[in-house]
Protein backbone atom coordinates (compact mmCIF):
# COMPACT_ATOMS: atom_id res chain seq x y z
CA UNK A 1 154.37 122.38 83.02
CA UNK A 2 154.57 125.09 84.46
CA UNK A 3 152.36 127.21 86.42
CA UNK A 4 151.35 129.98 84.51
CA UNK A 5 152.99 133.20 86.31
CA UNK A 6 151.09 135.42 88.40
CA UNK A 7 151.62 138.93 90.43
CA UNK A 8 151.35 138.60 94.63
CA UNK A 9 150.36 141.51 96.27
CA UNK A 10 152.78 142.89 99.00
CA UNK A 11 149.90 144.80 100.51
CA UNK A 12 149.85 146.26 103.50
CA UNK A 13 149.78 149.98 104.81
CA UNK A 14 152.31 152.03 105.28
CA UNK A 15 155.15 150.60 108.41
CA UNK A 16 153.35 146.90 108.83
CA UNK A 17 156.02 145.26 107.97
CA UNK A 18 155.96 145.38 103.99
CA UNK A 19 159.91 145.86 103.52
CA UNK A 20 160.95 143.47 105.78
CA UNK A 21 158.52 141.23 104.14
CA UNK A 22 160.32 141.76 100.71
CA UNK A 23 164.10 141.37 102.54
CA UNK A 24 162.66 138.25 103.32
CA UNK A 25 161.85 136.80 100.07
CA UNK A 26 165.26 137.97 99.00
CA UNK A 27 167.42 136.45 101.63
CA UNK A 28 165.26 133.32 100.55
CA UNK A 29 166.18 133.81 96.89
CA UNK A 30 169.90 133.67 98.20
CA UNK A 31 169.71 131.08 100.11
CA UNK A 32 173.36 130.12 101.44
CA UNK A 33 174.32 133.41 99.74
CA UNK A 34 172.47 135.66 102.15
CA UNK A 35 171.85 137.63 104.21
CA UNK A 36 171.00 139.66 101.16
CA UNK A 37 172.16 143.98 100.92
CA UNK A 38 169.23 145.15 101.84
CA UNK A 39 170.03 148.10 99.23
CA UNK A 40 170.31 145.27 96.14
CA UNK A 41 166.81 143.51 96.34
CA UNK A 42 167.33 141.32 93.52
CA UNK A 43 164.06 139.40 94.16
CA UNK A 44 162.58 143.11 94.97
CA UNK A 45 159.22 142.81 92.56
CA UNK A 46 158.82 145.75 92.17
CA UNK A 47 156.27 148.76 93.91
CA UNK A 48 152.82 149.28 92.39
CA UNK A 49 153.79 153.06 92.50
CA UNK A 50 156.35 153.18 90.32
CA UNK A 51 156.70 155.70 87.06
CA UNK A 52 159.27 154.35 85.29
CA UNK A 53 157.63 151.83 84.58
CA UNK A 54 154.11 152.56 84.42
CA UNK A 55 155.86 155.07 81.36
CA UNK A 56 157.64 152.02 80.65
CA UNK A 57 154.46 150.09 80.08
CA UNK A 58 152.44 152.38 78.64
CA UNK A 59 154.90 155.08 76.76
CA UNK A 60 153.71 157.92 77.92
CA UNK A 61 154.64 161.08 79.69
CA UNK A 62 152.82 160.09 82.47
CA UNK A 63 153.35 164.34 83.69
CA UNK A 64 150.86 164.83 80.79
CA UNK A 65 147.93 163.10 81.32
CA UNK A 66 146.15 163.20 84.79
CA UNK A 67 146.37 160.64 88.07
CA UNK A 68 142.10 159.35 86.79
CA UNK A 69 144.16 158.40 83.47
CA UNK A 70 146.92 156.94 85.24
CA UNK A 71 144.32 155.10 87.52
CA UNK A 72 142.34 153.89 84.17
CA UNK A 73 145.56 152.51 82.58
CA UNK A 74 147.30 150.67 85.99
CA UNK A 75 145.44 147.57 85.08
CA UNK A 76 147.23 147.68 81.86
CA UNK A 77 150.32 148.20 83.55
CA UNK A 78 149.83 145.42 85.92
CA UNK A 79 148.92 142.76 82.82
CA UNK A 80 151.56 143.75 80.94
CA UNK A 81 154.52 143.04 84.32
CA UNK A 82 152.84 139.47 85.26
CA UNK A 83 155.45 136.66 84.43
CA UNK A 84 154.62 134.02 81.93
CA UNK A 85 155.90 131.88 84.56
CA UNK A 86 156.52 132.18 88.23
CA UNK A 87 155.76 134.66 90.80
CA UNK A 88 156.30 138.36 90.49
CA UNK A 89 155.91 140.19 94.40
CA UNK A 90 154.68 143.35 94.64
CA UNK A 91 154.80 146.18 96.66
CA UNK A 92 151.40 147.91 96.28
CA UNK A 93 150.13 150.31 100.10
CA UNK A 94 147.01 151.59 97.49
CA UNK A 95 143.47 150.95 99.26
CA UNK A 96 142.21 148.39 96.49
CA UNK A 97 139.83 150.23 94.93
CA UNK A 98 138.20 150.76 91.25
CA UNK A 99 139.84 153.24 88.45
CA UNK A 100 137.65 156.00 87.83
CA UNK A 101 136.61 153.52 84.39
CA UNK A 102 135.53 150.89 87.18
CA UNK A 103 137.95 148.49 86.78
CA UNK A 104 139.60 147.27 90.27
CA UNK A 105 143.27 148.63 89.89
CA UNK A 106 144.31 145.31 91.25
CA UNK A 107 142.21 142.96 89.91
CA UNK A 108 144.24 141.50 87.36
CA UNK A 109 143.23 137.98 86.46
CA UNK A 110 145.37 135.49 88.29
CA UNK A 111 146.30 137.25 90.92
CA UNK A 112 146.40 137.15 94.39
CA UNK A 113 147.48 139.05 98.05
CA UNK A 114 149.11 139.12 101.12
CA UNK A 115 148.09 141.89 103.17
CA UNK A 116 149.77 142.72 106.42
CA UNK A 117 148.01 143.85 109.55
CA UNK A 118 149.43 146.42 111.97
CA UNK A 119 148.74 147.73 115.36
CA UNK A 120 147.41 151.70 114.33
CA UNK A 121 149.37 153.09 117.67
CA UNK A 122 152.28 151.09 116.74
CA UNK A 123 152.29 152.41 112.76
CA UNK A 124 151.69 155.57 114.15
CA UNK A 125 155.02 155.54 116.41
CA UNK A 126 156.57 154.33 113.76
CA UNK A 127 155.48 155.88 110.67
CA UNK A 128 156.30 159.38 112.76
CA UNK A 129 159.65 158.39 112.84
CA UNK A 130 159.85 157.08 109.06
CA UNK A 131 158.67 160.60 108.33
CA UNK A 132 160.22 163.06 110.54
CA UNK A 133 156.38 164.18 111.44
CA UNK A 134 154.94 165.41 114.58
CA UNK A 135 153.04 162.30 116.03
CA UNK A 136 149.95 164.64 116.05
CA UNK A 137 149.99 164.83 112.62
CA UNK A 138 150.36 161.66 111.61
CA UNK A 139 147.77 160.44 113.63
CA UNK A 140 145.70 162.91 111.40
CA UNK A 141 147.07 161.17 108.87
CA UNK A 142 145.71 158.08 109.67
CA UNK A 143 142.38 158.68 110.55
CA UNK A 144 141.73 160.69 107.18
CA UNK A 145 139.30 158.82 105.00
CA UNK A 146 141.15 160.95 102.55
CA UNK A 147 144.73 160.09 102.57
CA UNK A 148 146.96 159.62 99.86
CA UNK A 149 150.98 159.78 98.84
CA UNK A 150 152.35 161.70 96.03
CA UNK A 151 148.75 163.56 95.09
CA UNK A 152 150.46 166.97 93.63
CA UNK A 153 151.36 168.82 90.39
CA UNK A 154 151.29 165.79 87.88
CA UNK A 155 154.87 164.97 87.06
CA UNK A 156 156.37 166.53 89.48
CA UNK A 157 156.23 163.26 91.80
CA UNK A 158 158.91 160.50 91.61
CA UNK A 159 156.04 157.98 92.56
CA UNK A 160 151.76 157.59 91.33
CA UNK A 161 149.58 158.84 93.65
CA UNK A 162 148.78 155.65 95.88
CA UNK A 163 145.01 156.45 97.26
CA UNK A 164 145.65 155.13 100.63
CA UNK A 165 142.06 156.15 102.79
CA UNK A 166 142.36 155.80 106.33
CA UNK A 167 143.98 152.81 108.37
CA UNK A 168 140.35 151.22 109.05
CA UNK A 169 139.78 151.97 105.74
CA UNK A 170 142.94 150.16 103.60
CA UNK A 171 142.37 147.12 105.94
CA UNK A 172 138.80 146.16 104.53
CA UNK A 173 139.71 147.50 100.72
CA UNK A 174 141.46 144.76 100.89
CA UNK A 175 140.05 142.02 103.23
CA UNK A 176 136.60 142.28 102.17
CA UNK A 177 137.09 142.90 98.69
CA UNK A 178 135.82 139.37 96.49
CA UNK A 179 137.36 139.26 93.26
CA UNK A 180 141.13 138.46 94.24
CA UNK A 181 142.30 135.71 97.01
CA UNK A 182 143.82 137.12 100.76
CA UNK A 183 145.88 135.97 102.93
CA UNK A 184 146.00 138.34 105.70
CA UNK A 185 148.98 138.35 108.81
CA UNK A 186 148.96 139.94 111.44
CA UNK A 187 152.54 142.30 111.80
CA UNK A 188 152.47 140.95 115.84
CA UNK A 189 151.80 137.49 114.60
CA UNK A 190 154.62 137.42 111.99
CA UNK A 191 157.48 138.72 114.60
CA UNK A 192 156.30 136.01 117.83
CA UNK A 193 156.72 133.09 115.21
CA UNK A 194 158.44 133.93 112.06
CA UNK A 195 158.90 131.32 110.20
CA UNK A 196 155.25 130.24 110.83
CA UNK A 197 153.91 132.43 108.99
CA UNK A 198 156.37 133.23 106.54
CA UNK A 199 155.93 130.09 105.39
CA UNK A 200 151.89 129.93 105.00
CA UNK A 201 152.12 132.89 103.10
CA UNK A 202 154.00 131.46 100.53
CA UNK A 203 152.24 128.63 101.16
CA UNK A 204 148.89 130.93 100.22
CA UNK A 205 150.76 132.37 96.96
CA UNK A 206 151.41 129.30 95.68
CA UNK A 207 155.36 128.88 96.21
CA UNK A 208 157.09 125.67 97.60
CA UNK A 209 159.94 125.98 99.49
CA UNK A 210 162.23 124.17 102.14
CA UNK A 211 161.43 124.82 105.80
CA UNK A 212 165.60 125.48 105.90
CA UNK A 213 165.17 128.12 103.63
CA UNK A 214 162.34 129.17 105.04
CA UNK A 215 165.02 129.31 108.17
CA UNK A 216 167.97 130.56 107.18
CA UNK A 217 165.73 133.74 105.15
CA UNK A 218 164.54 133.70 108.71
CA UNK A 219 167.92 134.28 110.52
CA UNK A 220 169.35 136.29 107.82
CA UNK A 221 166.25 138.77 108.05
CA UNK A 222 166.86 139.27 111.45
CA UNK A 223 165.71 143.14 112.82
CA UNK A 224 169.51 143.36 114.18
CA UNK A 225 171.84 142.02 110.93
CA UNK A 226 169.50 144.92 109.08
CA UNK A 227 169.71 147.32 112.21
CA UNK A 228 173.77 146.00 111.38
CA UNK A 229 174.19 146.61 107.64
CA UNK A 230 171.94 149.87 107.88
CA UNK A 231 174.57 151.59 110.24
CA UNK A 232 177.58 150.10 108.01
CA UNK A 233 175.67 151.30 104.94
CA UNK A 234 172.76 153.35 105.06
CA UNK A 235 169.41 152.25 103.81
CA UNK A 236 168.13 153.95 100.03
CA UNK A 237 164.24 154.06 101.16
CA UNK A 238 165.00 155.73 104.65
CA UNK A 239 163.56 158.87 104.59
CA UNK A 240 164.32 160.33 107.91
CA UNK A 241 167.42 162.58 108.56
CA UNK A 242 167.35 162.01 112.38
CA UNK A 243 165.97 158.47 112.77
CA UNK A 244 166.94 154.70 111.15
CA UNK A 245 164.46 152.77 108.86
CA UNK A 246 165.05 149.58 111.42
CA UNK A 247 164.18 151.76 114.84
CA UNK A 248 163.32 149.24 116.62
CA UNK A 249 159.88 147.18 114.52
CA UNK A 250 158.56 146.24 118.23
CA UNK A 251 155.72 145.04 119.09
CA UNK A 252 153.56 147.70 121.85
CA UNK A 253 156.05 150.01 121.28
CA UNK A 254 153.22 152.84 121.46
CA UNK A 255 152.86 151.97 125.48
CA UNK A 256 155.85 154.21 126.30
CA UNK A 257 155.47 157.30 123.28
CA UNK A 258 151.91 158.28 123.00
CA UNK A 259 149.94 159.63 125.34
CA UNK A 260 147.04 159.16 126.56
CA UNK A 261 145.34 161.94 124.15
CA UNK A 262 146.44 160.22 121.31
CA UNK A 263 145.42 156.89 121.96
CA UNK A 264 141.95 157.59 122.62
CA UNK A 265 142.31 159.39 118.93
CA UNK A 266 143.33 156.58 116.85
CA UNK A 267 140.83 154.26 118.78
CA UNK A 268 138.15 156.05 118.46
CA UNK A 269 138.64 157.14 114.78
CA UNK A 270 139.51 152.68 114.95
CA UNK A 271 138.04 150.41 117.04
CA UNK A 272 135.96 148.04 115.18
CA UNK A 273 139.07 147.25 112.89
CA UNK A 274 141.18 146.98 115.95
CA UNK A 275 138.47 144.64 117.87
CA UNK A 276 138.06 142.11 114.19
CA UNK A 277 142.13 141.76 114.40
CA UNK A 278 142.65 141.46 118.73
CA UNK A 279 143.64 144.55 118.86
CA UNK A 280 142.96 144.75 123.18
CA UNK A 281 141.95 149.09 123.45
CA UNK A 282 143.14 150.60 125.97
CA UNK A 283 140.29 153.65 125.67
CA UNK A 284 136.40 153.10 126.35
CA UNK A 285 135.60 154.56 123.21
CA UNK A 286 132.41 153.90 121.60
CA UNK A 287 131.28 150.52 119.84
CA UNK A 288 129.12 149.23 117.78
CA UNK A 289 127.71 145.83 119.19
CA UNK A 290 128.43 144.74 115.39
CA UNK A 291 132.46 144.81 115.46
CA UNK A 292 132.24 142.93 118.98
CA UNK A 293 131.02 140.28 117.32
CA UNK A 294 133.49 139.80 114.65
CA UNK A 295 136.43 140.27 116.85
């Protein structure tokens, strides 16, 4: 008898490896027919902020209702999107929060989440290139407790509003909630041992695959392959006109990109969370004794 279907939230702050994970899933599904086309990810599974899917599920014109009313309806939409059998992995950058009604937006029964966390200093560098923003403006976004995507006028954005919070708030919102189980992976560990950590995430989600399948999907998702495809065909999710989406993916890239003042600004805001996940500090910001215990 088949197990009931479930949503697996693929959650992260932006530029933390979410797209790479989705490409891995697509290559896993493609099997021997891979590498999959990065512009034809047939196992995308969806995006939590997709306005079209919201309107198809509710039969409402989302441009006529408020952001808060939309958030009140999102749990209903996700229950509708849950497959009868199998899994649907859905990308999400929102913080884990309750809707104005009080119902957790992503706390749909039976769901679970894989959360990717990345050194915020590298996030800033990647995010700045991705959005063609200055590093200083990107740091302001990373440090702002009310950061959000698509919070403008009703119906004017292709995506629904996404409340991010700041980097630390986004991380804590998913990992410290108790509604649904979460498996956390550091981006740096995923880069160092992709086969091990992709396989562990799949096992957590209850997806049974062979070691050979994981090895092949990892090989087909290598950054050299992704850069080759983007250079030849472009990438639909790329936002910058000047910088490729798959720029480097390197760990510690911030060391050659950020000034000491910029590093200090990031670390002052996020030192406790950084130490919690083993990110050594370059500066000496004030850190509470409680955070040192967490580390």
